[in-house]
Structure formats: structure tokens, C-alpha cells
Amino acid sequence: MPTVIVEKGEPLDRALKKFKKKLEREGLMKEMKRTEFYEKKSVKRRKKEQKARKKIAQMARLQKLL
């Protein structure tokens, strides 16, 4: 669990912003959103396939540019 040390006289909203940044860097928020609801295996598979197709298309675009 990420921790943030609050400096003396530091506003609470700044400390909260630091904490949120750490959560984002570690990928915890993304993981929480992903596991918030149950996802059927067929839906997971479909998303995985779409992600692979998107990655292939992106690589093809990069190859065109070079």
C-alpha cells in the first residue's frame, strides 16, 4: 500500500494529490476498476482479442511511418 508523508504545514489536498499519483503509478486504481464487477470469461476473451488487434494495427501504423 502506498504511503505519503505529509510535511508540516502542507495542505491536505496536496497530500491527497500525491497519494492519488502514487496509486496511479502503481496501477492500483486500474486494478480496482477492473475487478470491481465480475466479468464473464467470454467477455474477458473478447477484450483480450480486441486489445491484440489494436496493438497489431498500431504496430502496422508505426511501420508505415518508418
C-alpha atoms as a PDB file:
ATOM      1  CA  MET A   1       0.000   0.000   0.000  1.00  0.00           C
ATOM      2  CA  PRO A   2       1.497   3.343  -0.993  1.00  0.00           C
ATOM      3  CA  THR A   3       2.114   5.840   1.765  1.00  0.00           C
ATOM      4  CA  VAL A   4       2.574   9.588   1.680  1.00  0.00           C
ATOM      5  CA  ILE A   5       4.409  11.536   4.340  1.00  0.00           C
ATOM      6  CA  VAL A   6       2.638  14.817   4.982  1.00  0.00           C
ATOM      7  CA  GLU A   7       5.030  17.664   5.638  1.00  0.00           C
ATOM      8  CA  LYS A   8       4.327  20.081   8.471  1.00  0.00           C
ATOM      9  CA  GLY A   9       2.117  22.888   7.149  1.00  0.00           C
ATOM     10  CA  GLU A  10       1.383  21.040   3.877  1.00  0.00           C
ATOM     11  CA  PRO A  11      -2.227  21.361   2.740  1.00  0.00           C
ATOM     12  CA  LEU A  12      -4.294  18.196   2.888  1.00  0.00           C
ATOM     13  CA  ASP A  13      -5.382  18.486  -0.755  1.00  0.00           C
ATOM     14  CA  ARG A  14      -1.720  18.455  -1.875  1.00  0.00           C
ATOM     15  CA  ALA A  15      -1.064  15.302   0.174  1.00  0.00           C
ATOM     16  CA  LEU A  16      -4.157  13.708  -1.312  1.00  0.00           C
ATOM     17  CA  LYS A  17      -2.924  14.603  -4.803  1.00  0.00           C
ATOM     18  CA  LYS A  18       0.438  12.928  -4.048  1.00  0.00           C
ATOM     19  CA  PHE A  19      -1.373   9.831  -2.785  1.00  0.00           C
ATOM     20  CA  LYS A  20      -3.537   9.595  -5.897  1.00  0.00           C
ATOM     21  CA  LYS A  21      -0.420   9.960  -8.080  1.00  0.00           C
ATOM     22  CA  LYS A  22       1.251   7.062  -6.258  1.00  0.00           C
ATOM     23  CA  LEU A  23      -1.848   4.900  -6.653  1.00  0.00           C
ATOM     24  CA  GLU A  24      -1.928   5.653 -10.367  1.00  0.00           C
ATOM     25  CA  ARG A  25       1.792   4.888 -10.833  1.00  0.00           C
ATOM     26  CA  GLU A  26       1.435   1.531  -9.103  1.00  0.00           C
ATOM     27  CA  GLY A  27      -1.659   0.671 -11.145  1.00  0.00           C
ATOM     28  CA  LEU A  28      -3.864   0.082  -8.122  1.00  0.00           C
ATOM     29  CA  MET A  29      -6.758   2.242  -9.336  1.00  0.00           C
ATOM     30  CA  LYS A  30      -6.774   0.491 -12.702  1.00  0.00           C
ATOM     31  CA  GLU A  31      -6.766  -2.890 -10.968  1.00  0.00           C
ATOM     32  CA  MET A  32      -9.612  -1.851  -8.651  1.00  0.00           C
ATOM     33  CA  LYS A  33     -11.750  -0.686 -11.558  1.00  0.00           C
ATOM     34  CA  ARG A  34     -11.025  -3.900 -13.453  1.00  0.00           C
ATOM     35  CA  THR A  35     -12.045  -6.122 -10.539  1.00  0.00           C
ATOM     36  CA  GLU A  36     -14.987  -4.027  -9.374  1.00  0.00           C
ATOM     37  CA  PHE A  37     -17.541  -6.189 -11.203  1.00  0.00           C
ATOM     38  CA  TYR A  38     -17.471  -9.811 -12.283  1.00  0.00           C
ATOM     39  CA  GLU A  39     -16.607 -10.280 -15.930  1.00  0.00           C
ATOM     40  CA  LYS A  40     -17.564 -13.436 -17.782  1.00  0.00           C
ATOM     41  CA  LYS A  41     -14.768 -15.423 -19.403  1.00  0.00           C
ATOM     42  CA  SER A  42     -16.189 -14.796 -22.864  1.00  0.00           C
ATOM     43  CA  VAL A  43     -16.102 -11.029 -22.260  1.00  0.00           C
ATOM     44  CA  LYS A  44     -12.530 -11.227 -20.972  1.00  0.00           C
ATOM     45  CA  ARG A  45     -11.504 -13.200 -24.044  1.00  0.00           C
ATOM     46  CA  ARG A  46     -13.219 -10.713 -26.367  1.00  0.00           C
ATOM     47  CA  LYS A  47     -11.481  -7.764 -24.691  1.00  0.00           C
ATOM     48  CA  LYS A  48      -8.135  -9.541 -24.893  1.00  0.00           C
ATOM     49  CA  GLU A  49      -8.634 -10.191 -28.623  1.00  0.00           C
ATOM     50  CA  GLN A  50      -9.633  -6.559 -29.237  1.00  0.00           C
ATOM     51  CA  LYS A  51      -6.560  -5.364 -27.379  1.00  0.00           C
ATOM     52  CA  ALA A  52      -4.355  -7.633 -29.514  1.00  0.00           C
ATOM     53  CA  ARG A  53      -5.976  -6.359 -32.733  1.00  0.00           C
ATOM     54  CA  LYS A  54      -5.482  -2.768 -31.615  1.00  0.00           C
ATOM     55  CA  LYS A  55      -1.823  -3.436 -30.831  1.00  0.00           C
ATOM     56  CA  ILE A  56      -1.253  -5.054 -34.246  1.00  0.00           C
ATOM     57  CA  ALA A  57      -2.917  -2.113 -36.015  1.00  0.00           C
ATOM     58  CA  GLN A  58      -0.804   0.335 -34.037  1.00  0.00           C
ATOM     59  CA  MET A  59       2.386  -1.522 -34.941  1.00  0.00           C
ATOM     60  CA  ALA A  60       1.348  -1.524 -38.608  1.00  0.00           C
ATOM     61  CA  ARG A  61       0.816   2.246 -38.493  1.00  0.00           C
ATOM     62  CA  LEU A  62       4.251   2.709 -36.948  1.00  0.00           C
ATOM     63  CA  GLN A  63       5.828   0.567 -39.674  1.00  0.00           C
ATOM     64  CA  LYS A  64       4.135   2.729 -42.338  1.00  0.00           C
ATOM     65  CA  LEU A  65       5.621   5.873 -40.819  1.00  0.00           C
ATOM     66  CA  LEU A  66       9.146   4.470 -40.839  1.00  0.00           C
END
